[in-house]
């Protein structure tokens, strides 16, 4: 029986997804850490709150060592599985433990709109050049 995650994907499909960074997000590295630079959206809600409490126009989020390691691998080509295996190897975690940790990290980043996911590209060579079974005729 296949268990589905909240997004409706089973584990195999989730691990095959390729995460990518939001191109509108600016980030930089400082002292071996990734810093995300977030511009505050100016909506009517923030304008009202800003009347009572001054809100900064921007904020910075510093990722920890594992978050930095994962962020550097977000290129739209590495799958969640590859990233989780890399985290497990680098930080001496069990593979399943790394998968769950990476899954939770991606869930939070996706909720905030910092990352997106795409399905892995299937190379046309593999899709078109499938070997076909030929029927042998007996004489």
N, C-alpha and C. Protein backbone atom coordinates (compact mmCIF):
# COMPACT_ATOMS: atom_id res chain seq x y z
N UNK A 1 0.85 -1.18 0.00
CA UNK A 1 0.00 0.00 0.00
C UNK A 1 0.89 1.24 0.00
N UNK A 2 0.63 2.13 -0.92
CA UNK A 2 1.43 3.35 -1.01
C UNK A 2 0.81 4.43 -0.15
N UNK A 3 1.66 5.05 0.67
CA UNK A 3 1.20 6.18 1.48
C UNK A 3 1.43 7.44 0.69
N UNK A 4 0.48 8.32 0.74
CA UNK A 4 0.59 9.59 0.04
C UNK A 4 0.95 10.68 1.03
N UNK A 5 1.75 11.64 0.57
CA UNK A 5 2.08 12.79 1.40
C UNK A 5 0.93 13.79 1.30
N UNK A 6 1.01 14.87 2.02
CA UNK A 6 -0.05 15.87 2.01
C UNK A 6 -0.35 16.41 0.62
N UNK A 7 0.67 16.55 -0.19
CA UNK A 7 0.49 17.10 -1.53
C UNK A 7 -0.11 16.10 -2.50
N UNK A 8 -0.39 14.88 -2.07
CA UNK A 8 -0.97 13.88 -2.93
C UNK A 8 0.06 13.04 -3.67
N UNK A 9 1.32 13.19 -3.35
CA UNK A 9 2.37 12.41 -3.99
C UNK A 9 2.81 11.28 -3.08
N UNK A 10 3.11 10.14 -3.67
CA UNK A 10 3.69 9.08 -2.85
C UNK A 10 5.18 9.36 -2.67
N UNK A 11 5.83 8.59 -1.86
CA UNK A 11 7.23 8.84 -1.50
C UNK A 11 8.14 8.83 -2.72
N UNK A 12 7.94 7.87 -3.60
CA UNK A 12 8.79 7.76 -4.79
C UNK A 12 8.65 9.00 -5.68
N UNK A 13 7.43 9.47 -5.88
CA UNK A 13 7.20 10.65 -6.72
C UNK A 13 7.79 11.89 -6.06
N UNK A 14 7.64 12.00 -4.74
CA UNK A 14 8.19 13.15 -4.01
C UNK A 14 9.70 13.21 -4.14
N UNK A 15 10.36 12.05 -3.98
CA UNK A 15 11.82 12.01 -4.04
C UNK A 15 12.35 12.28 -5.45
N UNK A 16 11.50 12.10 -6.46
CA UNK A 16 11.92 12.33 -7.85
C UNK A 16 11.81 13.80 -8.25
N UNK A 17 11.07 14.61 -7.48
CA UNK A 17 10.91 16.03 -7.83
C UNK A 17 12.24 16.77 -7.76
N UNK A 18 12.36 17.78 -8.61
CA UNK A 18 13.58 18.60 -8.65
C UNK A 18 13.26 20.01 -8.13
N UNK A 19 13.72 20.35 -6.93
CA UNK A 19 13.45 21.68 -6.39
C UNK A 19 14.35 22.74 -7.02
N UNK A 20 13.83 23.96 -7.10
CA UNK A 20 14.58 25.10 -7.63
C UNK A 20 14.27 26.33 -6.79
N UNK A 21 15.24 27.25 -6.78
CA UNK A 21 15.09 28.50 -6.02
C UNK A 21 14.14 29.44 -6.75
N UNK A 22 13.42 30.24 -5.99
CA UNK A 22 12.59 31.29 -6.58
C UNK A 22 13.53 32.33 -7.17
N UNK A 23 13.46 32.58 -8.49
CA UNK A 23 14.41 33.52 -9.10
C UNK A 23 14.21 34.96 -8.63
N UNK A 24 13.05 35.28 -8.07
CA UNK A 24 12.81 36.64 -7.58
C UNK A 24 13.45 36.88 -6.21
N UNK A 25 13.92 35.83 -5.60
CA UNK A 25 14.52 35.92 -4.26
C UNK A 25 16.01 36.21 -4.39
N UNK A 26 16.48 37.18 -3.62
CA UNK A 26 17.92 37.46 -3.61
C UNK A 26 18.55 36.79 -2.40
N UNK A 27 19.77 36.32 -2.57
CA UNK A 27 20.48 35.66 -1.49
C UNK A 27 21.98 35.84 -1.70
N UNK A 28 22.71 35.65 -0.63
CA UNK A 28 24.17 35.75 -0.69
C UNK A 28 24.75 34.87 0.41
N UNK A 29 26.05 34.64 0.32
CA UNK A 29 26.73 33.84 1.34
C UNK A 29 27.61 34.73 2.18
N UNK A 30 27.55 34.49 3.47
CA UNK A 30 28.34 35.25 4.44
C UNK A 30 28.81 34.30 5.52
N UNK A 31 30.12 34.20 5.71
CA UNK A 31 30.71 33.32 6.72
C UNK A 31 30.19 31.89 6.60
N UNK A 32 30.26 31.34 5.38
CA UNK A 32 29.86 29.96 5.11
C UNK A 32 28.38 29.69 5.39
N UNK A 33 27.54 30.71 5.40
CA UNK A 33 26.10 30.55 5.58
C UNK A 33 25.37 31.28 4.46
N UNK A 34 24.25 30.73 4.04
CA UNK A 34 23.42 31.40 3.05
C UNK A 34 22.47 32.33 3.78
N UNK A 35 22.38 33.56 3.30
CA UNK A 35 21.47 34.56 3.85
C UNK A 35 20.44 34.89 2.77
N UNK A 36 19.17 34.67 3.08
CA UNK A 36 18.08 35.02 2.16
C UNK A 36 17.66 36.45 2.45
N UNK A 37 17.54 37.24 1.42
CA UNK A 37 17.17 38.65 1.55
C UNK A 37 15.72 38.79 1.09
N UNK A 38 14.82 39.06 2.03
CA UNK A 38 13.39 39.08 1.74
C UNK A 38 12.87 40.51 1.76
N UNK A 39 12.25 40.92 0.66
CA UNK A 39 11.59 42.24 0.59
C UNK A 39 10.15 42.08 1.10
N UNK A 40 9.74 42.94 1.99
CA UNK A 40 8.38 42.87 2.53
C UNK A 40 7.39 43.35 1.48
N UNK A 41 6.33 42.58 1.30
CA UNK A 41 5.27 42.95 0.37
C UNK A 41 4.47 44.11 0.95
N UNK A 42 4.17 45.08 0.12
CA UNK A 42 3.36 46.22 0.58
C UNK A 42 1.89 45.97 0.22
N UNK A 43 1.15 45.40 1.15
CA UNK A 43 -0.28 45.17 0.96
C UNK A 43 -1.03 46.08 1.92
N UNK A 44 -2.33 46.10 1.81
CA UNK A 44 -3.12 46.95 2.70
C UNK A 44 -2.97 46.50 4.16
N UNK A 45 -2.75 45.20 4.37
CA UNK A 45 -2.57 44.69 5.73
C UNK A 45 -1.29 45.24 6.35
N UNK A 46 -0.21 45.18 5.59
CA UNK A 46 1.07 45.67 6.14
C UNK A 46 1.04 47.18 6.34
N UNK A 47 0.31 47.89 5.50
CA UNK A 47 0.21 49.34 5.67
C UNK A 47 -0.54 49.69 6.95
N UNK A 48 -1.59 48.93 7.26
CA UNK A 48 -2.34 49.18 8.49
C UNK A 48 -1.49 48.84 9.71
N UNK A 49 -0.81 47.69 9.67
CA UNK A 49 0.05 47.30 10.79
C UNK A 49 1.18 48.31 10.96
N UNK A 50 1.69 48.82 9.84
CA UNK A 50 2.79 49.78 9.87
C UNK A 50 2.39 51.10 10.53
N UNK A 51 1.09 51.42 10.56
CA UNK A 51 0.63 52.62 11.26
C UNK A 51 0.87 52.52 12.76
N UNK A 52 0.75 51.31 13.30
CA UNK A 52 0.88 51.10 14.73
C UNK A 52 2.27 50.61 15.15
N UNK A 53 2.85 49.77 14.32
CA UNK A 53 4.16 49.20 14.61
C UNK A 53 5.02 49.35 13.35
N UNK A 54 6.10 50.08 13.43
CA UNK A 54 6.94 50.22 12.24
C UNK A 54 7.56 48.89 11.83
N UNK A 55 7.32 48.50 10.59
CA UNK A 55 7.87 47.26 10.06
C UNK A 55 9.05 47.57 9.15
N UNK A 56 10.10 46.77 9.23
CA UNK A 56 11.22 47.00 8.30
C UNK A 56 10.80 46.64 6.88
N UNK A 57 11.39 47.32 5.91
CA UNK A 57 11.06 47.07 4.51
C UNK A 57 11.64 45.75 4.02
N UNK A 58 12.61 45.22 4.73
CA UNK A 58 13.24 43.97 4.33
C UNK A 58 13.66 43.19 5.57
N UNK A 59 13.94 41.92 5.36
CA UNK A 59 14.47 41.10 6.45
C UNK A 59 15.42 40.08 5.86
N UNK A 60 16.26 39.56 6.73
CA UNK A 60 17.25 38.58 6.30
C UNK A 60 17.05 37.31 7.12
N UNK A 61 17.13 36.18 6.41
CA UNK A 61 17.00 34.88 7.06
C UNK A 61 18.31 34.13 6.84
N UNK A 62 18.96 33.75 7.92
CA UNK A 62 20.22 33.01 7.84
C UNK A 62 19.93 31.52 7.99
N UNK A 63 20.38 30.74 7.04
CA UNK A 63 20.19 29.30 7.09
C UNK A 63 21.32 28.65 7.89
N UNK A 64 21.00 27.56 8.56
CA UNK A 64 22.02 26.83 9.30
C UNK A 64 22.89 26.04 8.33
N UNK A 65 23.79 25.23 8.86
CA UNK A 65 24.75 24.51 8.01
C UNK A 65 24.05 23.55 7.06
N UNK A 66 23.07 22.79 7.55
CA UNK A 66 22.36 21.83 6.69
C UNK A 66 21.52 22.59 5.67
N UNK A 67 20.84 23.65 6.10
CA UNK A 67 20.04 24.46 5.18
C UNK A 67 20.90 25.07 4.09
N UNK A 68 22.09 25.51 4.45
CA UNK A 68 23.03 26.07 3.47
C UNK A 68 23.47 25.00 2.48
N UNK A 69 23.75 23.81 2.99
CA UNK A 69 24.15 22.70 2.12
C UNK A 69 23.04 22.39 1.11
N UNK A 70 21.82 22.32 1.59
CA UNK A 70 20.68 22.02 0.71
C UNK A 70 20.47 23.16 -0.29
N UNK A 71 20.53 24.42 0.18
CA UNK A 71 20.29 25.58 -0.68
C UNK A 71 21.27 25.62 -1.86
N UNK A 72 22.51 25.27 -1.59
CA UNK A 72 23.53 25.27 -2.65
C UNK A 72 23.22 24.24 -3.73
N UNK A 73 22.48 23.19 -3.39
CA UNK A 73 22.17 22.13 -4.35
C UNK A 73 20.91 22.40 -5.16
N UNK A 74 20.19 23.48 -4.85
CA UNK A 74 18.94 23.78 -5.55
C UNK A 74 19.22 24.40 -6.91
N UNK A 75 19.24 23.57 -7.92
CA UNK A 75 19.50 24.07 -9.27
C UNK A 75 18.43 23.63 -10.27
N UNK A 76 17.43 22.91 -9.79
CA UNK A 76 16.39 22.42 -10.68
C UNK A 76 16.76 21.13 -11.38
N UNK A 77 17.99 20.65 -11.15
CA UNK A 77 18.44 19.40 -11.77
C UNK A 77 18.58 18.29 -10.75
N UNK A 78 19.02 18.63 -9.53
CA UNK A 78 19.15 17.64 -8.46
C UNK A 78 17.77 17.30 -7.91
N UNK A 79 17.49 16.02 -7.78
CA UNK A 79 16.21 15.60 -7.22
C UNK A 79 16.25 15.66 -5.70
N UNK A 80 15.10 15.59 -5.08
CA UNK A 80 15.01 15.56 -3.62
C UNK A 80 15.80 14.37 -3.09
N UNK A 81 15.74 13.25 -3.79
CA UNK A 81 16.46 12.05 -3.39
C UNK A 81 17.97 12.28 -3.37
N UNK A 82 18.48 12.91 -4.41
CA UNK A 82 19.92 13.19 -4.48
C UNK A 82 20.34 14.13 -3.35
N UNK A 83 19.53 15.14 -3.10
CA UNK A 83 19.82 16.11 -2.03
C UNK A 83 19.79 15.41 -0.67
N UNK A 84 18.79 14.57 -0.44
CA UNK A 84 18.69 13.88 0.85
C UNK A 84 19.87 12.94 1.06
N UNK A 85 20.28 12.22 0.01
CA UNK A 85 21.44 11.34 0.13
C UNK A 85 22.71 12.12 0.42
N UNK A 86 22.84 13.30 -0.18
CA UNK A 86 24.00 14.15 0.06
C UNK A 86 24.03 14.63 1.51
N UNK A 87 22.88 15.02 2.03
CA UNK A 87 22.77 15.45 3.43
C UNK A 87 23.10 14.29 4.36
N UNK A 88 22.57 13.11 4.06
CA UNK A 88 22.84 11.93 4.90
C UNK A 88 24.34 11.62 4.93
N UNK A 89 24.98 11.70 3.79
CA UNK A 89 26.41 11.40 3.72
C UNK A 89 27.24 12.46 4.43
N UNK A 90 26.93 13.73 4.18
CA UNK A 90 27.70 14.84 4.74
C UNK A 90 27.58 14.94 6.26
N UNK A 91 26.37 14.70 6.78
CA UNK A 91 26.12 14.90 8.21
C UNK A 91 25.92 13.59 8.97
N UNK A 92 26.29 12.48 8.33
CA UNK A 92 26.25 11.16 8.97
C UNK A 92 24.88 10.84 9.57
N UNK A 93 23.85 10.98 8.74
CA UNK A 93 22.49 10.66 9.14
C UNK A 93 22.05 9.41 8.39
N UNK A 94 21.03 8.75 8.91
CA UNK A 94 20.42 7.65 8.17
C UNK A 94 19.66 8.27 7.00
N UNK A 95 19.57 7.55 5.90
CA UNK A 95 18.97 8.10 4.69
C UNK A 95 17.51 8.52 4.91
N UNK A 96 16.75 7.71 5.60
CA UNK A 96 15.34 8.04 5.85
C UNK A 96 15.23 9.29 6.73
N UNK A 97 16.11 9.42 7.71
CA UNK A 97 16.12 10.59 8.58
C UNK A 97 16.43 11.86 7.78
N UNK A 98 17.37 11.75 6.87
CA UNK A 98 17.71 12.90 6.01
C UNK A 98 16.55 13.24 5.08
N UNK A 99 15.86 12.23 4.55
CA UNK A 99 14.70 12.47 3.68
C UNK A 99 13.63 13.26 4.41
N UNK A 100 13.33 12.85 5.64
CA UNK A 100 12.29 13.53 6.42
C UNK A 100 12.70 14.96 6.76
N UNK A 101 13.97 15.14 7.10
CA UNK A 101 14.46 16.47 7.42
C UNK A 101 14.39 17.39 6.21
N UNK A 102 14.83 16.89 5.07
CA UNK A 102 14.80 17.67 3.83
C UNK A 102 13.36 17.95 3.41
N UNK A 103 12.49 16.96 3.59
CA UNK A 103 11.07 17.15 3.25
C UNK A 103 10.45 18.27 4.07
N UNK A 104 10.71 18.28 5.36
CA UNK A 104 10.17 19.34 6.22
C UNK A 104 10.75 20.70 5.85
N UNK A 105 12.03 20.75 5.55
CA UNK A 105 12.68 21.99 5.14
C UNK A 105 12.05 22.53 3.85
N UNK A 106 11.87 21.64 2.86
CA UNK A 106 11.25 22.06 1.60
C UNK A 106 9.80 22.48 1.78
N UNK A 107 9.10 21.80 2.66
CA UNK A 107 7.70 22.15 2.91
C UNK A 107 7.61 23.60 3.42
N UNK A 108 8.50 23.95 4.34
CA UNK A 108 8.50 25.31 4.89
C UNK A 108 8.93 26.33 3.84
N UNK A 109 9.97 26.03 3.08
CA UNK A 109 10.41 26.95 2.03
C UNK A 109 9.34 27.14 0.96
N UNK A 110 8.66 26.06 0.59
CA UNK A 110 7.59 26.16 -0.42
C UNK A 110 6.40 26.95 0.12
N UNK A 111 6.08 26.76 1.38
CA UNK A 111 4.96 27.50 1.99
C UNK A 111 5.21 29.00 1.93
N UNK A 112 6.46 29.39 2.08
CA UNK A 112 6.83 30.81 2.04
C UNK A 112 7.09 31.32 0.62
N UNK A 113 7.11 30.41 -0.35
CA UNK A 113 7.33 30.80 -1.74
C UNK A 113 8.78 30.96 -2.12
N UNK A 114 9.69 30.38 -1.35
CA UNK A 114 11.12 30.52 -1.62
C UNK A 114 11.63 29.49 -2.62
N UNK A 115 10.93 28.35 -2.74
CA UNK A 115 11.32 27.31 -3.69
C UNK A 115 10.10 26.82 -4.46
N UNK A 116 10.37 26.20 -5.58
CA UNK A 116 9.34 25.55 -6.38
C UNK A 116 9.85 24.16 -6.76
N UNK A 117 8.98 23.37 -7.36
CA UNK A 117 9.35 22.01 -7.73
C UNK A 117 8.93 21.72 -9.16
N UNK A 118 9.73 20.94 -9.83
CA UNK A 118 9.37 20.50 -11.17
C UNK A 118 9.64 19.01 -11.25
N UNK A 119 8.93 18.40 -12.18
CA UNK A 119 9.15 16.97 -12.39
C UNK A 119 10.46 16.79 -13.15
N UNK A 120 11.14 15.69 -12.93
CA UNK A 120 12.41 15.49 -13.63
C UNK A 120 12.18 15.40 -15.13
N UNK A 121 13.13 15.96 -15.87
CA UNK A 121 13.03 15.91 -17.32
C UNK A 121 13.40 14.52 -17.79
N UNK A 122 12.57 14.00 -18.64
CA UNK A 122 12.86 12.68 -19.21
C UNK A 122 13.55 12.92 -20.53
N UNK A 123 14.69 12.30 -20.69
CA UNK A 123 15.43 12.53 -21.93
C UNK A 123 14.69 11.87 -23.08
N UNK A 124 14.62 12.54 -24.22
CA UNK A 124 13.91 11.99 -25.36
C UNK A 124 14.51 10.68 -25.86
N UNK A 125 15.80 10.49 -25.64
CA UNK A 125 16.44 9.25 -26.09
C UNK A 125 15.84 8.04 -25.40
N UNK A 126 15.64 8.17 -24.09
CA UNK A 126 15.11 7.04 -23.33
C UNK A 126 13.66 6.78 -23.68
N UNK A 127 12.89 7.84 -23.92
CA UNK A 127 11.47 7.68 -24.20
C UNK A 127 11.23 7.11 -25.60
N UNK A 128 12.05 7.49 -26.57
CA UNK A 128 11.80 7.09 -27.94
C UNK A 128 12.51 5.80 -28.33
N UNK A 129 13.62 5.50 -27.74
CA UNK A 129 14.40 4.34 -28.15
C UNK A 129 14.18 3.12 -27.26
N UNK A 130 12.94 2.86 -26.94
CA UNK A 130 12.65 1.67 -26.15
C UNK A 130 12.80 0.45 -27.03
N UNK A 131 13.46 -0.55 -26.54
CA UNK A 131 13.58 -1.75 -27.36
C UNK A 131 12.22 -2.43 -27.49
N UNK A 132 11.94 -2.86 -28.67
CA UNK A 132 10.67 -3.55 -28.90
C UNK A 132 10.96 -5.03 -29.11
N UNK A 133 10.04 -5.82 -28.68
CA UNK A 133 10.19 -7.25 -28.85
C UNK A 133 9.68 -7.61 -30.24
N UNK A 134 10.51 -8.27 -30.94
CA UNK A 134 10.08 -8.70 -32.27
C UNK A 134 9.59 -10.13 -32.17
N UNK A 135 8.57 -10.40 -32.91
CA UNK A 135 8.01 -11.75 -32.91
C UNK A 135 8.79 -12.59 -33.90
N UNK A 136 9.25 -13.68 -33.41
CA UNK A 136 9.99 -14.59 -34.28
C UNK A 136 8.98 -15.55 -34.92
N UNK A 137 9.17 -15.72 -36.16
CA UNK A 137 8.29 -16.66 -36.85
C UNK A 137 8.99 -18.00 -36.97
N UNK A 138 8.24 -19.03 -36.74
CA UNK A 138 8.80 -20.37 -36.85
C UNK A 138 8.49 -20.93 -38.23
N UNK A 139 9.43 -21.62 -38.74
CA UNK A 139 9.22 -22.21 -40.05
C UNK A 139 8.93 -23.67 -39.93
